[in-house]
Amino acid sequence: MTQSLCFIGLGSNLGGSREQLQRALADLAQLPGTQLLAHSSLYRSAPVGYLDQPDFVNAVAKIATTLTPQALLAALLHIEQQHGRERTFQNAPRTLDMDVLLYGERQIHEHGLTVPHPEMHLRAFVLLPLLEIAPDCLIPGRGAARDFMPGCADQVLVKMDE
């Protein structure tokens, strides 16, 4: 089976966020047909949308997987559930959020799955960790990820100590 290079966004702001992300990275590495190739540093960021909640801890992982995009999404949703994720309302606080940011060079528009992630180029908490591990990353249909950083200059992101 052919492996695809994928990038996964991770975020948490409940239940020991740093530990949630570290466990989620380990869970990601255990998925069938999947190798965890790299992950970014952890970054602290302010919430987006619903603002009355704790700051988030974010990271991006680079994986190679034989899972289909749909199977990968299902696996990520399962990991979120194992971490106690509850979907109470849009942009609610959460123990773990995992998103398929990029799946190879594919552009996917299906119910429940849009790749590249539709807002990734607008979010410093995605772009900065992504560029840390893939400085020449291209967003299919949009261009070089680094070209979108100036548009996120007003978003405060703090690299956390490892």
Protein backbone atom coordinates (compact mmCIF):
# COMPACT_ATOMS: atom_id res chain seq x y z
CA MET A 1 0.00 0.00 0.00
CA THR A 2 1.18 3.50 -0.80
CA GLN A 3 2.02 5.83 2.05
CA SER A 4 0.87 9.43 2.05
CA LEU A 5 2.63 12.26 3.83
CA CYS A 6 0.15 14.03 6.10
CA PHE A 7 0.15 16.82 8.64
CA ILE A 8 -2.08 16.74 11.70
CA GLY A 9 -2.96 19.76 13.84
CA LEU A 10 -3.33 19.15 17.58
CA GLY A 11 -4.78 21.41 20.23
CA SER A 12 -5.95 21.23 23.85
CA ASN A 13 -7.01 23.63 26.57
CA LEU A 14 -8.49 21.30 29.21
CA GLY A 15 -7.21 18.49 31.41
CA GLY A 16 -3.45 19.05 31.37
CA SER A 17 -2.99 20.24 27.80
CA ARG A 18 0.73 19.51 27.50
CA GLU A 19 0.19 15.92 28.66
CA GLN A 20 -2.88 15.55 26.41
CA LEU A 21 -0.80 16.46 23.36
CA GLN A 22 2.11 14.23 24.35
CA ARG A 23 -0.26 11.27 24.77
CA ALA A 24 -2.03 12.11 21.50
CA LEU A 25 1.29 12.11 19.63
CA ALA A 26 2.03 8.66 21.08
CA ASP A 27 -1.46 7.50 20.06
CA LEU A 28 -0.90 8.85 16.55
CA ALA A 29 2.33 6.86 16.25
CA GLN A 30 0.39 3.68 17.12
CA LEU A 31 -2.17 3.96 14.32
CA PRO A 32 -2.06 1.05 11.85
CA GLY A 33 0.11 1.68 8.80
CA THR A 34 1.28 4.99 10.28
CA GLN A 35 4.67 6.40 11.24
CA LEU A 36 5.14 9.57 13.27
CA LEU A 37 7.95 11.29 11.35
CA ALA A 38 8.20 14.57 13.28
CA HIS A 39 6.29 16.91 15.52
CA SER A 40 6.67 20.56 16.27
CA SER A 41 7.35 22.23 19.56
CA LEU A 42 4.34 23.04 21.72
CA TYR A 43 2.92 26.55 21.40
CA ARG A 44 0.50 28.47 23.61
CA SER A 45 -2.18 30.48 21.81
CA ALA A 46 -5.27 32.49 22.67
CA PRO A 47 -8.64 30.92 21.88
CA VAL A 48 -10.40 31.76 18.59
CA GLY A 49 -14.15 32.23 18.24
CA TYR A 50 -15.37 31.62 21.77
CA LEU A 51 -12.97 33.69 23.89
CA ASP A 52 -14.13 32.94 27.46
CA GLN A 53 -11.90 29.88 27.90
CA PRO A 54 -8.28 28.99 28.76
CA ASP A 55 -5.43 29.41 26.28
CA PHE A 56 -4.67 26.47 23.99
CA VAL A 57 -1.56 24.39 23.62
CA ASN A 58 -0.98 23.53 19.95
CA ALA A 59 1.37 21.43 17.85
CA VAL A 60 1.60 19.91 14.37
CA ALA A 61 2.62 16.33 13.61
CA LYS A 62 4.04 14.98 10.36
CA ILE A 63 3.07 11.39 9.60
CA ALA A 64 3.34 8.87 6.81
CA THR A 65 0.27 6.65 6.61
CA THR A 66 -1.40 4.04 4.45
CA LEU A 67 -4.78 4.97 5.96
CA THR A 68 -7.25 6.58 3.58
CA PRO A 69 -8.21 10.17 4.38
CA GLN A 70 -11.55 8.97 5.77
CA ALA A 71 -9.94 6.22 7.87
CA LEU A 72 -7.38 8.71 9.19
CA LEU A 73 -10.15 11.13 10.18
CA ALA A 74 -12.06 8.32 11.91
CA ALA A 75 -8.91 7.32 13.80
CA LEU A 76 -8.32 10.93 14.93
CA LEU A 77 -11.92 11.24 16.12
CA HIS A 78 -11.49 7.99 18.06
CA ILE A 79 -8.31 9.31 19.72
CA GLU A 80 -10.15 12.53 20.64
CA GLN A 81 -12.93 10.47 22.20
CA GLN A 82 -10.41 8.40 24.21
CA HIS A 83 -9.08 11.70 25.57
CA GLY A 84 -12.53 12.74 26.78
CA ARG A 85 -13.43 15.11 23.94
CA GLU A 86 -16.96 16.45 24.21
CA ARG A 87 -18.53 18.50 21.43
CA THR A 88 -20.82 20.84 23.34
CA PHE A 89 -20.75 23.85 20.98
CA GLN A 90 -18.55 25.29 18.23
CA ASN A 91 -15.13 26.46 19.49
CA ALA A 92 -15.86 25.09 22.98
CA PRO A 93 -13.01 24.25 25.37
CA ARG A 94 -11.67 20.75 24.71
CA THR A 95 -9.33 18.12 26.05
CA LEU A 96 -8.10 17.34 22.54
CA ASP A 97 -8.70 18.50 18.99
CA MET A 98 -7.01 16.76 16.06
CA ASP A 99 -7.42 17.91 12.45
CA VAL A 100 -6.16 16.58 9.14
CA LEU A 101 -4.41 19.67 7.82
CA LEU A 102 -2.81 18.17 4.71
CA TYR A 103 -3.06 14.74 3.10
CA GLY A 104 -0.29 14.56 0.53
CA GLU A 105 -1.05 16.96 -2.28
CA ARG A 106 -4.74 16.06 -2.33
CA GLN A 107 -7.65 18.46 -2.21
CA ILE A 108 -10.66 16.76 -0.64
CA HIS A 109 -14.16 18.18 -0.25
CA GLU A 110 -16.46 15.61 1.34
CA HIS A 111 -19.05 15.69 4.08
CA GLY A 112 -17.08 16.03 7.32
CA LEU A 113 -13.67 16.26 5.64
CA THR A 114 -12.09 19.20 3.83
CA VAL A 115 -8.37 19.02 3.04
CA PRO A 116 -6.39 21.22 3.08
CA HIS A 117 -8.01 22.33 6.31
CA PRO A 118 -10.04 25.37 5.20
CA GLU A 119 -8.71 27.81 7.82
CA MET A 120 -5.13 26.58 8.27
CA HIS A 121 -3.65 29.45 6.25
CA LEU A 122 -5.35 31.96 8.59
CA ARG A 123 -4.07 30.53 11.88
CA ALA A 124 -0.62 31.22 13.34
CA PHE A 125 -1.13 28.28 15.74
CA VAL A 126 -1.16 26.01 12.67
CA LEU A 127 1.32 27.76 10.38
CA LEU A 128 4.18 28.37 12.81
CA PRO A 129 4.36 24.76 14.10
CA LEU A 130 3.89 23.47 10.54
CA LEU A 131 6.73 25.61 9.21
CA GLU A 132 8.95 24.53 12.11
CA ILE A 133 8.87 20.91 10.84
CA ALA A 134 8.24 21.56 7.11
CA PRO A 135 9.68 24.99 6.17
CA ASP A 136 8.99 24.49 2.45
CA CYS A 137 5.46 23.15 2.90
CA LEU A 138 2.96 23.93 0.16
CA ILE A 139 -0.77 24.16 0.77
CA PRO A 140 -2.46 22.62 -2.29
CA GLY A 141 -4.54 25.20 -4.12
CA ARG A 142 -3.06 28.08 -2.08
CA GLY A 143 0.74 28.08 -2.30
CA ALA A 144 3.66 28.24 0.12
CA ALA A 145 2.57 28.07 3.77
CA ARG A 146 5.21 30.65 4.75
CA ASP A 147 3.54 33.23 2.49
CA PHE A 148 0.54 33.32 4.84
CA MET A 149 2.50 34.13 8.03
CA PRO A 150 2.45 37.93 7.51
CA GLY A 151 -1.37 37.80 7.56
CA CYS A 152 -1.20 36.18 11.01
CA ALA A 153 1.27 38.66 12.50
CA ASP A 154 -1.31 39.96 15.00
CA GLN A 155 -1.87 36.48 16.49
CA VAL A 156 0.27 35.92 19.59
CA LEU A 157 1.92 32.53 19.80
CA VAL A 158 4.39 31.56 22.55
CA LYS A 159 6.74 28.62 22.15
CA MET A 160 6.68 26.56 25.33
CA ASP A 161 9.67 25.01 27.06
CA GLU A 162 9.97 21.32 26.24
